[in-house]
C-alpha atoms as a PDB file:
ATOM      1  CA  MET A   1     -16.255 -52.694  18.267  1.00  0.00           C
ATOM      2  CA  SER A   2     -18.808 -52.147  20.975  1.00  0.00           C
ATOM      3  CA  MET A   3     -18.093 -49.681  23.725  1.00  0.00           C
ATOM      4  CA  THR A   4     -18.314 -50.392  27.528  1.00  0.00           C
ATOM      5  CA  LYS A   5     -20.908 -48.521  29.726  1.00  0.00           C
ATOM      6  CA  GLU A   6     -18.031 -46.430  31.032  1.00  0.00           C
ATOM      7  CA  GLU A   7     -16.902 -45.455  27.616  1.00  0.00           C
ATOM      8  CA  LYS A   8     -20.491 -44.605  26.495  1.00  0.00           C
ATOM      9  CA  LYS A   9     -20.990 -42.293  29.601  1.00  0.00           C
ATOM     10  CA  GLU A  10     -17.583 -40.588  28.832  1.00  0.00           C
ATOM     11  CA  TYR A  11     -18.573 -40.122  25.072  1.00  0.00           C
ATOM     12  CA  LYS A  12     -22.044 -38.520  26.106  1.00  0.00           C
ATOM     13  CA  LYS A  13     -20.293 -36.248  28.529  1.00  0.00           C
ATOM     14  CA  LYS A  14     -17.928 -35.036  25.729  1.00  0.00           C
ATOM     15  CA  LEU A  15     -20.855 -34.485  23.519  1.00  0.00           C
ATOM     16  CA  LYS A  16     -22.707 -32.329  26.127  1.00  0.00           C
ATOM     17  CA  GLN A  17     -19.535 -30.223  26.589  1.00  0.00           C
ATOM     18  CA  MET A  18     -19.034 -29.808  22.853  1.00  0.00           C
ATOM     19  CA  ASN A  19     -22.802 -28.705  22.471  1.00  0.00           C
ATOM     20  CA  ARG A  20     -22.438 -26.327  25.533  1.00  0.00           C
ATOM     21  CA  GLY A  21     -19.381 -24.768  23.866  1.00  0.00           C
ATOM     22  CA  GLU A  22     -21.273 -24.188  20.671  1.00  0.00           C
ATOM     23  CA  VAL A  23     -24.193 -22.625  22.405  1.00  0.00           C
ATOM     24  CA  GLU A  24     -21.781 -20.311  24.327  1.00  0.00           C
ATOM     25  CA  HIS A  25     -20.091 -19.437  21.140  1.00  0.00           C
ATOM     26  CA  TYR A  26     -23.446 -18.591  19.577  1.00  0.00           C
ATOM     27  CA  LYS A  27     -24.389 -16.426  22.434  1.00  0.00           C
ATOM     28  CA  PHE A  28     -21.053 -14.496  22.205  1.00  0.00           C
ATOM     29  CA  GLN A  29     -21.703 -13.731  18.563  1.00  0.00           C
ATOM     30  CA  LYS A  30     -25.308 -12.732  19.268  1.00  0.00           C
ATOM     31  CA  LYS A  31     -24.156 -10.519  22.083  1.00  0.00           C
ATOM     32  CA  ASP A  32     -21.719  -8.612  19.872  1.00  0.00           C
ATOM     33  CA  TRP A  33     -24.290  -8.048  17.106  1.00  0.00           C
ATOM     34  CA  TRP A  34     -23.433  -4.229  16.947  1.00  0.00           C
ATOM     35  CA  LYS A  35     -19.798  -5.031  16.097  1.00  0.00           C
ATOM     36  CA  TYR A  36     -21.041  -6.914  13.011  1.00  0.00           C
ATOM     37  CA  LEU A  37     -23.225  -3.929  12.121  1.00  0.00           C
ATOM     38  CA  ILE A  38     -20.432  -1.492  12.390  1.00  0.00           C
ATOM     39  CA  ALA A  39     -18.306  -3.702  10.157  1.00  0.00           C
ATOM     40  CA  LEU A  40     -20.899  -3.840   7.539  1.00  0.00           C
ATOM     41  CA  GLY A  41     -21.190  -0.087   7.763  1.00  0.00           C
ATOM     42  CA  LEU A  42     -17.533   0.378   7.169  1.00  0.00           C
ATOM     43  CA  LEU A  43     -17.455  -2.140   4.475  1.00  0.00           C
ATOM     44  CA  PHE A  44     -20.324  -0.240   2.714  1.00  0.00           C
ATOM     45  CA  ILE A  45     -18.401   3.091   3.035  1.00  0.00           C
ATOM     46  CA  TYR A  46     -15.259   1.709   1.666  1.00  0.00           C
ATOM     47  CA  LEU A  47     -16.905  -0.188  -1.267  1.00  0.00           C
ATOM     48  CA  PHE A  48     -19.319   2.506  -2.388  1.00  0.00           C
ATOM     49  CA  PRO A  49     -16.773   4.558  -4.318  1.00  0.00           C
ATOM     50  CA  PHE A  50     -15.711   1.373  -6.099  1.00  0.00           C
ATOM     51  CA  TYR A  51     -19.333   0.726  -7.055  1.00  0.00           C
ATOM     52  CA  ILE A  52     -19.759   4.397  -8.176  1.00  0.00           C
ATOM     53  CA  ILE A  53     -16.668   4.279 -10.565  1.00  0.00           C
ATOM     54  CA  ILE A  54     -17.547   0.869 -11.911  1.00  0.00           C
ATOM     55  CA  ASN A  55     -21.084   2.223 -12.420  1.00  0.00           C
ATOM     56  CA  VAL A  56     -19.917   5.361 -14.310  1.00  0.00           C
ATOM     57  CA  SER A  57     -17.472   3.275 -16.460  1.00  0.00           C
ATOM     58  CA  LEU A  58     -20.580   1.287 -17.801  1.00  0.00           C
ATOM     59  CA  LYS A  59     -22.553   4.260 -18.801  1.00  0.00           C
ATOM     60  CA  SER A  60     -22.587   6.040 -22.072  1.00  0.00           C
ATOM     61  CA  PHE A  61     -21.599   9.769 -22.636  1.00  0.00           C
ATOM     62  CA  ALA A  62     -25.321  10.524 -23.216  1.00  0.00           C
ATOM     63  CA  ASP A  63     -26.372   8.836 -20.000  1.00  0.00           C
ATOM     64  CA  THR A  64     -27.625  11.436 -17.632  1.00  0.00           C
ATOM     65  CA  THR A  65     -29.097   9.222 -14.893  1.00  0.00           C
ATOM     66  CA  SER A  66     -27.735   9.193 -11.453  1.00  0.00           C
ATOM     67  CA  ARG A  67     -24.359   7.771 -10.788  1.00  0.00           C
ATOM     68  CA  ILE A  68     -25.840   5.692  -8.222  1.00  0.00           C
ATOM     69  CA  GLN A  69     -28.477   4.036 -10.507  1.00  0.00           C
ATOM     70  CA  PHE A  70     -27.090   0.929 -12.242  1.00  0.00           C
ATOM     71  CA  PRO A  71     -26.827   1.346 -16.129  1.00  0.00           C
ATOM     72  CA  ASN A  72     -29.345  -0.295 -18.376  1.00  0.00           C
ATOM     73  CA  PRO A  73     -28.117  -1.377 -20.738  1.00  0.00           C
ATOM     74  CA  ILE A  74     -24.527  -1.810 -19.798  1.00  0.00           C
ATOM     75  CA  TYR A  75     -22.242   0.208 -22.133  1.00  0.00           C
ATOM     76  CA  TRP A  76     -18.936  -1.459 -22.814  1.00  0.00           C
ATOM     77  CA  GLU A  77     -17.820   0.956 -25.256  1.00  0.00           C
ATOM     78  CA  ASN A  78     -15.812   3.082 -22.686  1.00  0.00           C
ATOM     79  CA  PHE A  79     -13.501   0.101 -22.003  1.00  0.00           C
ATOM     80  CA  ARG A  80     -13.191  -0.668 -25.789  1.00  0.00           C
ATOM     81  CA  LYS A  81     -12.218   2.959 -26.588  1.00  0.00           C
ATOM     82  CA  VAL A  82      -9.737   3.219 -23.785  1.00  0.00           C
ATOM     83  CA  ILE A  83      -8.122  -0.136 -24.733  1.00  0.00           C
ATOM     84  CA  GLU A  84      -7.973   0.522 -28.313  1.00  0.00           C
ATOM     85  CA  ALA A  85      -6.307   4.096 -27.828  1.00  0.00           C
ATOM     86  CA  GLY A  86      -3.524   2.359 -25.632  1.00  0.00           C
ATOM     87  CA  ASP A  87      -2.762   5.314 -23.409  1.00  0.00           C
ATOM     88  CA  VAL A  88      -3.900   3.488 -20.439  1.00  0.00           C
ATOM     89  CA  PHE A  89      -1.253   0.660 -20.934  1.00  0.00           C
ATOM     90  CA  VAL A  90       1.572   3.345 -21.469  1.00  0.00           C
ATOM     91  CA  GLY A  91       0.383   4.946 -18.311  1.00  0.00           C
ATOM     92  CA  ILE A  92       0.440   1.611 -16.265  1.00  0.00           C
ATOM     93  CA  LYS A  93       3.908   0.974 -17.702  1.00  0.00           C
ATOM     94  CA  ASN A  94       5.170   4.293 -16.702  1.00  0.00           C
ATOM     95  CA  SER A  95       3.537   4.058 -13.307  1.00  0.00           C
ATOM     96  CA  MET A  96       4.897   0.580 -12.880  1.00  0.00           C
ATOM     97  CA  ILE A  97       8.565   1.523 -13.648  1.00  0.00           C
ATOM     98  CA  ILE A  98       8.559   4.523 -11.332  1.00  0.00           C
ATOM     99  CA  THR A  99       6.836   2.636  -8.559  1.00  0.00           C
ATOM    100  CA  VAL A 100       9.113  -0.351  -8.619  1.00  0.00           C
ATOM    101  CA  PHE A 101      12.350   1.648  -8.837  1.00  0.00           C
ATOM    102  CA  VAL A 102      11.101   3.945  -5.958  1.00  0.00           C
ATOM    103  CA  LEU A 103      10.262   1.072  -3.746  1.00  0.00           C
ATOM    104  CA  LEU A 104      13.743  -0.460  -4.345  1.00  0.00           C
ATOM    105  CA  VAL A 105      15.489   2.683  -3.480  1.00  0.00           C
ATOM    106  CA  GLU A 106      13.240   3.193  -0.296  1.00  0.00           C
ATOM    107  CA  ILE A 107      13.737  -0.298   0.979  1.00  0.00           C
ATOM    108  CA  ILE A 108      17.346  -0.653   0.329  1.00  0.00           C
ATOM    109  CA  LEU A 109      18.337   2.709   1.605  1.00  0.00           C
ATOM    110  CA  GLY A 110      15.581   2.907   4.340  1.00  0.00           C
ATOM    111  CA  CYS A 111      16.382  -0.483   6.098  1.00  0.00           C
ATOM    112  CA  MET A 112      20.158   0.017   5.977  1.00  0.00           C
ATOM    113  CA  ALA A 113      19.829   3.563   7.415  1.00  0.00           C
ATOM    114  CA  ALA A 114      17.257   2.436  10.116  1.00  0.00           C
ATOM    115  CA  TYR A 115      19.771  -0.316  11.225  1.00  0.00           C
ATOM    116  CA  ALA A 116      22.268   2.259  11.947  1.00  0.00           C
ATOM    117  CA  LEU A 117      19.827   4.529  13.714  1.00  0.00           C
ATOM    118  CA  ALA A 118      18.416   1.743  15.807  1.00  0.00           C
ATOM    119  CA  ARG A 119      21.575   0.053  16.940  1.00  0.00           C
ATOM    120  CA  ASN A 120      23.839   3.207  17.550  1.00  0.00           C
ATOM    121  CA  GLN A 121      22.183   4.973  20.431  1.00  0.00           C
ATOM    122  CA  SER A 122      24.033   8.306  20.298  1.00  0.00           C
ATOM    123  CA  LYS A 123      23.201  11.962  20.541  1.00  0.00           C
ATOM    124  CA  LEU A 124      24.132  12.489  16.920  1.00  0.00           C
ATOM    125  CA  ASN A 125      21.617   9.697  15.849  1.00  0.00           C
ATOM    126  CA  GLU A 126      19.022  11.234  17.970  1.00  0.00           C
ATOM    127  CA  VAL A 127      19.472  14.499  16.270  1.00  0.00           C
ATOM    128  CA  VAL A 128      19.262  12.701  12.728  1.00  0.00           C
ATOM    129  CA  ARG A 129      16.110  10.845  13.909  1.00  0.00           C
ATOM    130  CA  SER A 130      14.523  14.132  14.970  1.00  0.00           C
ATOM    131  CA  LEU A 131      15.458  15.694  11.499  1.00  0.00           C
ATOM    132  CA  ILE A 132      13.879  12.694   9.693  1.00  0.00           C
ATOM    133  CA  MET A 133      10.641  13.070  11.779  1.00  0.00           C
ATOM    134  CA  SER A 134      10.484  16.885  11.127  1.00  0.00           C
ATOM    135  CA  VAL A 135      10.957  16.208   7.235  1.00  0.00           C
ATOM    136  CA  MET A 136       7.876  14.042   7.403  1.00  0.00           C
ATOM    137  CA  MET A 137       5.913  17.043   8.697  1.00  0.00           C
ATOM    138  CA  ILE A 138       6.749  19.080   5.583  1.00  0.00           C
ATOM    139  CA  THR A 139       3.986  19.078   2.849  1.00  0.00           C
ATOM    140  CA  PRO A 140       5.691  18.314  -0.468  1.00  0.00           C
ATOM    141  CA  LEU A 141       3.315  20.801  -2.157  1.00  0.00           C
ATOM    142  CA  THR A 142       4.878  23.693  -0.267  1.00  0.00           C
ATOM    143  CA  ILE A 143       8.332  23.134  -1.795  1.00  0.00           C
ATOM    144  CA  LEU A 144       7.109  22.592  -5.413  1.00  0.00           C
ATOM    145  CA  VAL A 145       8.606  25.584  -6.813  1.00  0.00           C
ATOM    146  CA  GLY A 146      12.069  25.177  -5.356  1.00  0.00           C
ATOM    147  CA  VAL A 147      12.173  21.483  -6.216  1.00  0.00           C
ATOM    148  CA  TYR A 148      11.063  22.109  -9.913  1.00  0.00           C
ATOM    149  CA  SER A 149      13.778  24.850 -10.377  1.00  0.00           C
ATOM    150  CA  THR A 150      16.422  22.570  -9.159  1.00  0.00           C
ATOM    151  CA  MET A 151      15.320  19.495 -11.165  1.00  0.00           C
ATOM    152  CA  SER A 152      15.050  21.684 -14.239  1.00  0.00           C
ATOM    153  CA  LYS A 153      18.732  22.780 -13.755  1.00  0.00           C
ATOM    154  CA  ILE A 154      19.888  19.062 -13.768  1.00  0.00           C
ATOM    155  CA  ASN A 155      17.651  18.082 -16.587  1.00  0.00           C
ATOM    156  CA  ALA A 156      15.660  15.708 -14.460  1.00  0.00           C
ATOM    157  CA  THR A 157      12.181  16.661 -15.776  1.00  0.00           C
ATOM    158  CA  SER A 158      10.319  14.076 -17.995  1.00  0.00           C
ATOM    159  CA  THR A 159      12.821  11.344 -17.006  1.00  0.00           C
ATOM    160  CA  TYR A 160      12.182   8.203 -14.954  1.00  0.00           C
ATOM    161  CA  TRP A 161      15.362   8.740 -12.777  1.00  0.00           C
ATOM    162  CA  GLY A 162      14.195  12.194 -11.936  1.00  0.00           C
ATOM    163  CA  MET A 163      10.824  11.090 -10.750  1.00  0.00           C
ATOM    164  CA  VAL A 164      12.382   8.174  -8.854  1.00  0.00           C
ATOM    165  CA  LEU A 165      14.777  10.401  -7.055  1.00  0.00           C
ATOM    166  CA  LEU A 166      12.004  12.842  -6.194  1.00  0.00           C
ATOM    167  CA  LEU A 167       9.462  10.554  -4.839  1.00  0.00           C
ATOM    168  CA  SER A 168      12.092   8.328  -3.094  1.00  0.00           C
ATOM    169  CA  SER A 169      13.165  11.560  -1.135  1.00  0.00           C
ATOM    170  CA  PHE A 170       9.704  12.157  -0.053  1.00  0.00           C
ATOM    171  CA  GLY A 171       9.007   8.561   0.980  1.00  0.00           C
ATOM    172  CA  LEU A 172      12.249   7.677   2.685  1.00  0.00           C
ATOM    173  CA  PRO A 173      11.609   9.626   6.055  1.00  0.00           C
ATOM    174  CA  LEU A 174       8.521   7.316   6.617  1.00  0.00           C
ATOM    175  CA  VAL A 175      10.277   4.149   5.563  1.00  0.00           C
ATOM    176  CA  ILE A 176      13.155   4.823   7.842  1.00  0.00           C
ATOM    177  CA  PHE A 177      10.739   5.614  10.602  1.00  0.00           C
ATOM    178  CA  LEU A 178       9.002   2.262  10.109  1.00  0.00           C
ATOM    179  CA  TYR A 179      12.128   0.155   9.867  1.00  0.00           C
ATOM    180  CA  THR A 180      13.836   1.867  12.961  1.00  0.00           C
ATOM    181  CA  ASN A 181      10.837   1.054  15.248  1.00  0.00           C
ATOM    182  CA  PHE A 182      10.801  -2.552  13.907  1.00  0.00           C
ATOM    183  CA  ILE A 183      14.574  -3.164  14.219  1.00  0.00           C
ATOM    184  CA  SER A 184      14.557  -1.612  17.653  1.00  0.00           C
ATOM    185  CA  SER A 185      12.273  -4.412  18.814  1.00  0.00           C
ATOM    186  CA  ILE A 186      14.737  -7.182  17.542  1.00  0.00           C
ATOM    187  CA  PRO A 187      17.045  -8.210  20.531  1.00  0.00           C
ATOM    188  CA  VAL A 188      20.552  -6.806  20.397  1.00  0.00           C
ATOM    189  CA  ALA A 189      21.651 -10.177  21.666  1.00  0.00           C
ATOM    190  CA  LEU A 190      21.263 -11.625  18.187  1.00  0.00           C
ATOM    191  CA  ASP A 191      23.738  -8.990  16.860  1.00  0.00           C
ATOM    192  CA  GLU A 192      26.192  -9.808  19.755  1.00  0.00           C
ATOM    193  CA  ALA A 193      26.017 -13.606  19.358  1.00  0.00           C
ATOM    194  CA  ALA A 194      26.748 -13.052  15.585  1.00  0.00           C
ATOM    195  CA  ALA A 195      29.725 -10.692  16.248  1.00  0.00           C
ATOM    196  CA  ILE A 196      31.243 -13.232  18.674  1.00  0.00           C
ATOM    197  CA  ASP A 197      31.016 -15.730  15.854  1.00  0.00           C
ATOM    198  CA  GLY A 198      33.156 -13.303  13.732  1.00  0.00           C
ATOM    199  CA  ALA A 199      30.393 -11.673  11.619  1.00  0.00           C
ATOM    200  CA  THR A 200      30.910  -8.235  10.376  1.00  0.00           C
ATOM    201  CA  ASN A 201      28.212  -5.522  10.520  1.00  0.00           C
ATOM    202  CA  LEU A 202      27.186  -5.979   6.954  1.00  0.00           C
ATOM    203  CA  GLN A 203      27.030  -9.787   7.499  1.00  0.00           C
ATOM    204  CA  ILE A 204      24.955  -9.323  10.680  1.00  0.00           C
ATOM    205  CA  PHE A 205      22.487  -6.993   8.806  1.00  0.00           C
ATOM    206  CA  PHE A 206      22.023  -9.242   5.687  1.00  0.00           C
ATOM    207  CA  ARG A 207      22.049 -12.550   7.487  1.00  0.00           C
ATOM    208  CA  ILE A 208      20.423 -11.760  10.788  1.00  0.00           C
ATOM    209  CA  ILE A 209      18.406  -8.583  10.548  1.00  0.00           C
ATOM    210  CA  LEU A 210      17.214  -8.527   6.928  1.00  0.00           C
ATOM    211  CA  PRO A 211      15.434 -11.877   7.088  1.00  0.00           C
ATOM    212  CA  GLN A 212      13.320 -10.656   9.904  1.00  0.00           C
ATOM    213  CA  LEU A 213      12.058  -7.661   8.188  1.00  0.00           C
ATOM    214  CA  LYS A 214       9.765  -9.481   5.739  1.00  0.00           C
ATOM    215  CA  SER A 215       6.504  -8.321   7.271  1.00  0.00           C
ATOM    216  CA  VAL A 216       7.470  -4.594   7.587  1.00  0.00           C
ATOM    217  CA  THR A 217       8.955  -4.592   4.146  1.00  0.00           C
ATOM    218  CA  ILE A 218       5.501  -5.911   2.667  1.00  0.00           C
ATOM    219  CA  THR A 219       3.888  -3.070   4.598  1.00  0.00           C
ATOM    220  CA  VAL A 220       6.191  -0.546   3.147  1.00  0.00           C
ATOM    221  CA  ILE A 221       5.474  -2.003  -0.504  1.00  0.00           C
ATOM    222  CA  ILE A 222       1.838  -1.696   0.015  1.00  0.00           C
ATOM    223  CA  LEU A 223       1.683   1.657   1.551  1.00  0.00           C
ATOM    224  CA  GLN A 224       4.403   3.415  -0.366  1.00  0.00           C
ATOM    225  CA  GLY A 225       3.510   1.607  -3.530  1.00  0.00           C
ATOM    226  CA  VAL A 226      -0.075   2.849  -3.423  1.00  0.00           C
ATOM    227  CA  SER A 227       1.184   6.313  -2.685  1.00  0.00           C
ATOM    228  CA  VAL A 228       3.570   6.485  -5.621  1.00  0.00           C
ATOM    229  CA  TRP A 229       1.061   4.946  -7.942  1.00  0.00           C
ATOM    230  CA  ASN A 230      -1.687   7.404  -7.138  1.00  0.00           C
ATOM    231  CA  GLU A 231       0.761  10.416  -7.046  1.00  0.00           C
ATOM    232  CA  TYR A 232      -0.478  13.285  -9.331  1.00  0.00           C
ATOM    233  CA  THR A 233       0.816  16.646  -8.430  1.00  0.00           C
ATOM    234  CA  TYR A 234       4.568  16.242  -9.067  1.00  0.00           C
ATOM    235  CA  SER A 235       3.910  13.888 -12.047  1.00  0.00           C
ATOM    236  CA  TYR A 236       1.694  16.728 -13.586  1.00  0.00           C
ATOM    237  CA  TYR A 237       4.561  19.267 -13.501  1.00  0.00           C
ATOM    238  CA  PHE A 238       7.567  17.047 -13.933  1.00  0.00           C
ATOM    239  CA  LEU A 239       6.335  14.443 -16.655  1.00  0.00           C
ATOM    240  CA  GLN A 240       5.575  16.834 -19.463  1.00  0.00           C
ATOM    241  CA  LYS A 241       6.159  14.518 -22.312  1.00  0.00           C
ATOM    242  CA  THR A 242       2.957  12.441 -23.600  1.00  0.00           C
ATOM    243  CA  GLU A 243       4.946   9.194 -23.563  1.00  0.00           C
ATOM    244  CA  MET A 244       5.969   9.680 -19.937  1.00  0.00           C
ATOM    245  CA  ARG A 245       2.347  10.054 -18.578  1.00  0.00           C
ATOM    246  CA  THR A 246       1.603   7.906 -15.564  1.00  0.00           C
ATOM    247  CA  ILE A 247      -1.915   6.386 -14.931  1.00  0.00           C
ATOM    248  CA  THR A 248      -3.153   9.367 -13.129  1.00  0.00           C
ATOM    249  CA  LEU A 249      -2.141  11.712 -15.915  1.00  0.00           C
ATOM    250  CA  VAL A 250      -3.811   9.524 -18.512  1.00  0.00           C
ATOM    251  CA  ILE A 251      -6.987   9.857 -16.593  1.00  0.00           C
ATOM    252  CA  LYS A 252      -6.609  13.669 -16.497  1.00  0.00           C
ATOM    253  CA  THR A 253      -6.704  13.758 -20.336  1.00  0.00           C
ATOM    254  CA  PHE A 254     -10.372  12.951 -20.140  1.00  0.00           C
ATOM    255  CA  PHE A 255     -11.116  16.175 -18.507  1.00  0.00           C
ATOM    256  CA  SER A 256     -10.849  19.577 -20.352  1.00  0.00           C
ATOM    257  CA  ALA A 257     -12.584  23.051 -20.359  1.00  0.00           C
ATOM    258  CA  VAL A 258     -14.665  21.844 -23.400  1.00  0.00           C
ATOM    259  CA  SER A 259     -16.133  18.626 -22.093  1.00  0.00           C
ATOM    260  CA  ASN A 260     -15.527  15.897 -19.631  1.00  0.00           C
ATOM    261  CA  ASP A 261     -15.623  12.211 -20.586  1.00  0.00           C
ATOM    262  CA  TYR A 262     -16.596  10.678 -17.261  1.00  0.00           C
ATOM    263  CA  GLY A 263     -17.210   7.248 -18.649  1.00  0.00           C
ATOM    264  CA  ALA A 264     -13.823   6.890 -20.409  1.00  0.00           C
ATOM    265  CA  ALA A 265     -11.909   8.328 -17.315  1.00  0.00           C
ATOM    266  CA  ALA A 266     -13.852   5.852 -14.990  1.00  0.00           C
ATOM    267  CA  ALA A 267     -13.012   3.042 -17.284  1.00  0.00           C
ATOM    268  CA  THR A 268      -9.229   4.076 -17.218  1.00  0.00           C
ATOM    269  CA  ALA A 269      -9.265   4.328 -13.457  1.00  0.00           C
ATOM    270  CA  VAL A 270     -10.787   0.858 -13.199  1.00  0.00           C
ATOM    271  CA  ILE A 271      -8.071  -0.654 -15.400  1.00  0.00           C
ATOM    272  CA  GLY A 272      -5.423   1.331 -13.448  1.00  0.00           C
ATOM    273  CA  MET A 273      -6.593  -0.007 -10.256  1.00  0.00           C
ATOM    274  CA  ALA A 274      -6.196  -3.676 -11.281  1.00  0.00           C
ATOM    275  CA  PRO A 275      -2.509  -3.992 -10.644  1.00  0.00           C
ATOM    276  CA  LEU A 276      -2.723  -2.576  -7.147  1.00  0.00           C
ATOM    277  CA  ILE A 277      -5.645  -4.801  -6.279  1.00  0.00           C
ATOM    278  CA  ILE A 278      -3.826  -8.043  -7.666  1.00  0.00           C
ATOM    279  CA  LEU A 279      -0.703  -6.943  -5.705  1.00  0.00           C
ATOM    280  CA  TYR A 280      -2.682  -6.618  -2.438  1.00  0.00           C
ATOM    281  CA  LEU A 281      -4.383  -9.913  -2.938  1.00  0.00           C
ATOM    282  CA  PHE A 282      -1.096 -11.697  -3.064  1.00  0.00           C
ATOM    283  CA  LEU A 283       0.529  -9.634  -0.179  1.00  0.00           C
ATOM    284  CA  GLN A 284      -2.432  -9.218   2.205  1.00  0.00           C
ATOM    285  CA  LYS A 285      -1.407 -12.189   4.442  1.00  0.00           C
ATOM    286  CA  TYR A 286       2.048 -10.620   4.936  1.00  0.00           C
ATOM    287  CA  PHE A 287       0.491  -7.111   5.336  1.00  0.00           C
ATOM    288  CA  ILE A 288      -1.916  -8.273   8.139  1.00  0.00           C
ATOM    289  CA  GLN A 289       0.967 -10.216   9.713  1.00  0.00           C
ATOM    290  CA  GLY A 290       3.051  -7.087   9.602  1.00  0.00           C
ATOM    291  CA  GLN A 291       0.434  -5.107  11.218  1.00  0.00           C
ATOM    292  CA  VAL A 292      -0.018  -7.698  14.004  1.00  0.00           C
ATOM    293  CA  ASP A 293       3.725  -7.899  14.542  1.00  0.00           C
ATOM    294  CA  SER A 294       4.042  -4.197  14.846  1.00  0.00           C
ATOM    295  CA  ALA A 295       1.164  -4.021  17.314  1.00  0.00           C
ATOM    296  CA  ILE A 296       2.687  -6.746  19.524  1.00  0.00           C
ATOM    297  CA  LYS A 297       6.313  -5.413  19.455  1.00  0.00           C
ATOM    298  CA  SER A 298       5.078  -1.907  20.126  1.00  0.00           C
END
C-alpha cells in the first residue's frame, strides 16, 4: 500500500523527532559520565572482598602468594575437604533453622505491635515508641554477661529456642520501627471503611493492612535475615555443643593458636554465602520496590 505525499512528510517528520530524541539521550548520558565512574568505583569496592575470599578459597595451604594474585593452578581440594567433612552443611542447617524462626517471630509480633502503635495515637503509645527507640541504641555486647546468666538459669543455652528468643528480642525494635513508619503512611480511611462494614480490628489488620506490607516485609527478611545469619558473638557463647554450631562458628574452627587454614575457612564462607545470595536474587525486585515505596511515603 503506497503512502501519499502528506503521509510521507509526516513519516519523515516522526523519524527526525525520534533521531533527535536519541541524540539528546546520548548527550545526557555523555554529560553524566562521572556518575557512571562513581558507580563503577562503588561496584569495585563492594565486589573486591568477594574476589579476595573466592581467590583464597582456591589456593592451597602452602601457597604464600598475594591474596590478590589469582591462583595458578586452581586448587579445588579446599572445597572437597570441607564438603567431605560435612560440618559446613550442619552449620547451614542450624543457621537456617534459627534464621527462619527468628524472622517468623519478628514479622508476626513486629507488624502486629506496629499496627497498634501506628493507629492508636496516645501518650502511652508515644512512651512505648520512645522506649523501643532507646532499646535500639543499646549495644548487645554490653549486656552479654547479664543475658548469659539469665539464659543459663532457664537452660536456654545450646538450644534453638534460646537463640531464637535472644536474637528476636534484639531485632524486634528495628522491625517494629520499620513497620510502624510504613503503616502510618497507609490512610486511616481504609480502616474506617472496613469498620463501617462490620470488620473487627483483627479482620482489618489481616485483610486490609497485612496485604499492603509485602514490600516492607521483604525488606525485613533481607536485612534481619542477613544479620541473624552472620551473627557470631552470641552464637559463640550460647551454642557450645558441636552439633549446634552455626555457619559462622564452623568457619571459626579453621583458626587456632597453632595454625590457620585460610583456604578451608574461605571455602566454607563461600558455601555459606550461597543461600543468602540465592535468597536475595529471588527477592531483590521486592526489596528495591520496598525501598522506593518507603522513600515515596516518607
